[in-house]
Amino acid sequence: MSFEKALPGALAALRTLSQAATEIEHVAFDLGAIAKYAHSAAVELELAGAVALDQAKGISRSVFEGRAPIPRRAPAPVPAPPKAVLERVWTVKPIAWTEGSLTRIEDCNRYIDLAPLLAQRAIDRGAAVRLGDPRAGKSVASWRQWHGFGQPTLGKCVLLDGEAQTSLQREQAVPEESKIMHSKVQPLFELLDRGEPYVIKTSPGNPSGEAA
């Protein structure tokens, strides 16, 4: 059934409902509200329907005369890709792997969510255990063997992929004298050679240089 043919029946039904509810509105308060709602809906629907029909007929004429394309429905939204399947493990050694364009480092004694392949590698290489393992959730007492200053370096980690190995090779290729040991400032600063010592001249009466 077309919209144009269905509209009169819908308007008649709303008016009939409004009249029927009005006749017994003294019985219950909600009946009066229903009568008013149905009456208002019929009035608004009649006006909006007339405008919509006029627009639809105008578009149909334009399409028939070749002045407009046939209207198409909007494409259905693309479903979101399924979430990546991850496996949670407990680290017993520091690990490093590549995530996007970054090399991630995670310390030992932590729950980490990894892709199943990386999780299995970490387990096979003795760097992690599954949640059911008796060691899961228990801190490793000998964690200091993997730490120098601050967080574990890439060279102290169990590497889980080839990209992490490449990052380690690039890091090892940097001369030691150009590195700053503090891990938090290493990406921001470069070690500079010192110049000549700065000599401060003081007056003979004030050899210590202190203010009078």
Protein backbone atom coordinates (compact mmCIF):
# COMPACT_ATOMS: atom_id res chain seq x y z
CA MET A 1 0.00 0.00 0.00
CA SER A 2 1.34 3.45 -0.91
CA PHE A 3 1.74 6.26 1.61
CA GLU A 4 -0.88 8.34 -0.20
CA LYS A 5 -3.49 5.59 0.14
CA ALA A 6 -2.60 4.76 3.76
CA LEU A 7 -2.70 8.34 5.05
CA PRO A 8 -6.52 8.89 4.97
CA GLY A 9 -7.14 5.68 6.88
CA ALA A 10 -4.61 6.63 9.54
CA LEU A 11 -6.20 10.08 9.98
CA ALA A 12 -9.68 8.55 10.26
CA ALA A 13 -8.46 6.05 12.85
CA LEU A 14 -6.90 8.80 14.99
CA ARG A 15 -10.07 10.89 14.88
CA THR A 16 -12.20 7.87 15.76
CA LEU A 17 -9.90 7.07 18.67
CA SER A 18 -10.01 10.67 19.90
CA GLN A 19 -13.81 10.75 19.79
CA ALA A 20 -14.16 7.39 21.55
CA ALA A 21 -11.79 8.43 24.33
CA THR A 22 -13.57 11.77 24.75
CA GLU A 23 -16.92 10.04 25.32
CA ILE A 24 -15.59 8.19 28.37
CA GLU A 25 -12.90 10.58 29.60
CA HIS A 26 -14.88 11.09 32.82
CA VAL A 27 -14.10 7.50 33.77
CA ALA A 28 -10.31 7.86 33.95
CA PHE A 29 -7.94 10.80 33.70
CA ASP A 30 -5.68 9.12 31.12
CA LEU A 31 -8.58 8.77 28.68
CA GLY A 32 -8.80 12.55 28.37
CA ALA A 33 -5.06 12.73 27.71
CA ILE A 34 -5.38 10.04 25.03
CA ALA A 35 -8.24 11.92 23.36
CA LYS A 36 -6.19 15.13 23.19
CA TYR A 37 -3.08 13.31 21.95
CA ALA A 38 -4.96 11.49 19.18
CA HIS A 39 -6.67 14.71 18.07
CA SER A 40 -3.36 16.64 17.97
CA ALA A 41 -1.65 13.79 16.15
CA ALA A 42 -4.36 13.75 13.48
CA VAL A 43 -4.06 17.51 12.92
CA GLU A 44 -0.25 17.46 12.67
CA LEU A 45 -0.19 14.31 10.55
CA GLU A 46 -2.68 15.76 8.07
CA LEU A 47 -0.55 18.89 7.56
CA ALA A 48 2.77 17.07 7.44
CA GLY A 49 1.37 14.39 5.15
CA ALA A 50 0.13 16.95 2.64
CA VAL A 51 3.56 18.64 2.53
CA ALA A 52 5.40 15.31 2.23
CA LEU A 53 3.12 14.12 -0.58
CA ASP A 54 3.63 17.35 -2.49
CA GLN A 55 7.42 17.01 -2.15
CA ALA A 56 7.38 13.36 -3.21
CA LYS A 57 5.30 14.12 -6.29
CA GLY A 58 7.65 16.96 -7.24
CA ILE A 59 10.68 14.68 -6.96
CA SER A 60 8.91 12.00 -9.00
CA ARG A 61 8.26 14.50 -11.79
CA SER A 62 11.89 15.63 -11.74
CA VAL A 63 13.11 12.04 -12.00
CA PHE A 64 10.66 11.23 -14.79
CA GLU A 65 11.76 14.30 -16.74
CA GLY A 66 15.44 13.50 -16.22
CA ARG A 67 16.14 16.56 -14.06
CA ALA A 68 17.05 14.63 -10.91
CA PRO A 69 18.54 11.23 -10.02
CA ILE A 70 16.48 8.50 -8.43
CA PRO A 71 16.69 8.88 -4.63
CA ARG A 72 18.55 6.01 -2.99
CA ARG A 73 18.51 4.74 0.54
CA ALA A 74 21.55 5.55 2.63
CA PRO A 75 23.92 2.58 2.77
CA ALA A 76 23.68 0.44 5.87
CA PRO A 77 26.35 1.28 8.45
CA VAL A 78 29.44 -0.86 8.25
CA PRO A 79 29.60 -3.11 11.31
CA ALA A 80 32.49 -2.43 13.62
CA PRO A 81 35.37 -4.87 13.25
CA PRO A 82 35.49 -7.50 15.98
CA LYS A 83 37.74 -6.77 18.90
CA ALA A 84 41.14 -8.38 18.76
CA VAL A 85 41.39 -11.60 20.75
CA LEU A 86 43.86 -11.13 23.59
CA GLU A 87 45.26 -13.47 26.21
CA ARG A 88 46.20 -12.28 29.69
CA VAL A 89 49.46 -13.55 31.12
CA TRP A 90 51.60 -12.80 34.18
CA THR A 91 55.13 -11.66 33.38
CA VAL A 92 58.05 -13.16 35.29
CA LYS A 93 60.65 -11.34 33.17
CA PRO A 94 60.56 -7.99 31.35
CA ILE A 95 59.24 -8.33 27.81
CA ALA A 96 59.35 -6.17 24.68
CA TRP A 97 57.25 -6.32 21.53
CA THR A 98 56.09 -4.09 18.70
CA GLU A 99 52.65 -2.46 18.79
CA GLY A 100 51.95 -0.38 15.70
CA SER A 101 55.07 1.71 15.12
CA LEU A 102 56.18 1.63 18.77
CA THR A 103 58.24 -0.82 20.77
CA ARG A 104 56.51 -1.56 24.07
CA ILE A 105 58.38 -2.59 27.18
CA GLU A 106 56.60 -4.13 30.16
CA ASP A 107 58.25 -5.01 33.43
CA CYS A 108 57.96 -8.30 35.26
CA ASN A 109 55.31 -8.91 37.94
CA ARG A 110 52.46 -7.56 35.81
CA TYR A 111 49.31 -8.82 34.14
CA ILE A 112 49.58 -8.09 30.41
CA ASP A 113 47.07 -8.66 27.61
CA LEU A 114 48.83 -9.96 24.50
CA ALA A 115 47.84 -11.39 21.16
CA PRO A 116 47.72 -15.21 21.48
CA LEU A 117 50.85 -15.65 19.34
CA LEU A 118 52.88 -13.22 21.46
CA ALA A 119 51.49 -14.66 24.68
CA GLN A 120 52.60 -18.13 23.63
CA ARG A 121 56.06 -16.82 22.72
CA ALA A 122 56.40 -15.14 26.10
CA ILE A 123 55.44 -18.39 27.81
CA ASP A 124 57.72 -20.52 25.63
CA ARG A 125 60.65 -18.17 26.29
CA GLY A 126 60.15 -18.25 30.06
CA ALA A 127 59.04 -14.64 30.37
CA ALA A 128 55.38 -15.20 31.31
CA VAL A 129 52.95 -17.74 32.72
CA ARG A 130 49.24 -18.31 32.19
CA LEU A 131 46.72 -17.30 34.82
CA GLY A 132 46.26 -20.85 36.08
CA ASP A 133 49.98 -21.24 36.79
CA PRO A 134 50.93 -21.23 40.52
CA ARG A 135 53.41 -18.40 39.81
CA ALA A 136 50.74 -16.08 38.41
CA GLY A 137 50.18 -13.05 40.60
CA LYS A 138 53.29 -13.66 42.71
CA SER A 139 56.14 -11.16 42.52
CA VAL A 140 59.51 -12.41 41.33
CA ALA A 141 61.97 -11.90 44.17
CA SER A 142 64.99 -11.63 41.86
CA TRP A 143 63.58 -8.82 39.70
CA ARG A 144 66.69 -6.64 40.24
CA GLN A 145 68.73 -8.79 37.86
CA TRP A 146 66.79 -7.23 34.97
CA HIS A 147 67.13 -3.64 36.17
CA GLY A 148 69.96 -1.19 35.93
CA PHE A 149 68.66 2.29 36.59
CA GLY A 150 64.89 2.82 36.53
CA GLN A 151 62.83 0.69 34.17
CA PRO A 152 64.38 -2.31 32.38
CA THR A 153 66.16 -1.45 29.17
CA LEU A 154 65.42 -3.14 25.87
CA GLY A 155 68.58 -5.19 26.23
CA LYS A 156 67.28 -6.67 29.50
CA CYS A 157 63.94 -7.74 27.98
CA VAL A 158 62.80 -10.97 26.40
CA LEU A 159 62.02 -9.94 22.82
CA LEU A 160 58.78 -11.30 21.39
CA ASP A 161 59.09 -10.29 17.72
CA GLY A 162 61.58 -9.38 15.03
CA GLU A 163 60.77 -5.67 15.14
CA ALA A 164 61.76 -5.51 18.81
CA GLN A 165 65.03 -7.25 17.90
CA THR A 166 65.65 -4.61 15.21
CA SER A 167 65.00 -1.85 17.75
CA LEU A 168 67.55 -3.44 20.09
CA GLN A 169 70.14 -3.58 17.30
CA ARG A 170 69.61 0.11 16.53
CA GLU A 171 69.93 0.94 20.21
CA GLN A 172 73.15 -1.04 20.53
CA ALA A 173 74.59 0.73 17.48
CA VAL A 174 74.49 4.12 19.27
CA PRO A 175 77.92 4.94 20.83
CA GLU A 176 77.87 4.76 24.61
CA GLU A 177 79.34 8.26 24.99
CA SER A 178 76.30 9.77 23.27
CA LYS A 179 73.82 8.14 25.65
CA ILE A 180 72.40 9.65 28.82
CA MET A 181 71.73 6.96 31.37
CA HIS A 182 68.54 8.43 32.83
CA SER A 183 65.74 6.75 30.88
CA LYS A 184 63.27 9.61 31.22
CA VAL A 185 65.49 12.26 29.63
CA GLN A 186 67.30 10.07 27.12
CA PRO A 187 64.92 10.86 24.21
CA LEU A 188 65.12 14.62 24.88
CA PHE A 189 68.79 15.45 25.39
CA GLU A 190 72.17 14.77 23.84
CA LEU A 191 75.41 14.71 25.81
CA LEU A 192 77.66 17.69 24.97
CA ASP A 193 81.41 18.05 25.52
CA ARG A 194 82.45 20.52 28.20
CA GLY A 195 84.45 23.62 27.34
CA GLU A 196 87.17 25.37 29.27
CA PRO A 197 86.56 26.05 32.99
CA TYR A 198 85.01 29.41 33.80
CA VAL A 199 87.30 31.60 35.96
CA ILE A 200 85.78 34.13 38.36
CA LYS A 201 87.93 37.11 39.30
CA THR A 202 87.45 38.71 42.73
CA SER A 203 88.90 41.82 44.30
CA PRO A 204 91.93 41.44 46.63
CA GLY A 205 89.85 42.50 49.61
CA ASN A 206 87.25 39.82 49.03
CA PRO A 207 89.09 36.59 48.14
CA SER A 208 86.09 34.38 48.85
CA GLY A 209 83.90 36.23 46.36
CA GLU A 210 81.11 36.60 48.94
CA ALA A 211 78.90 39.67 48.93
CA ALA A 212 79.75 42.21 51.61
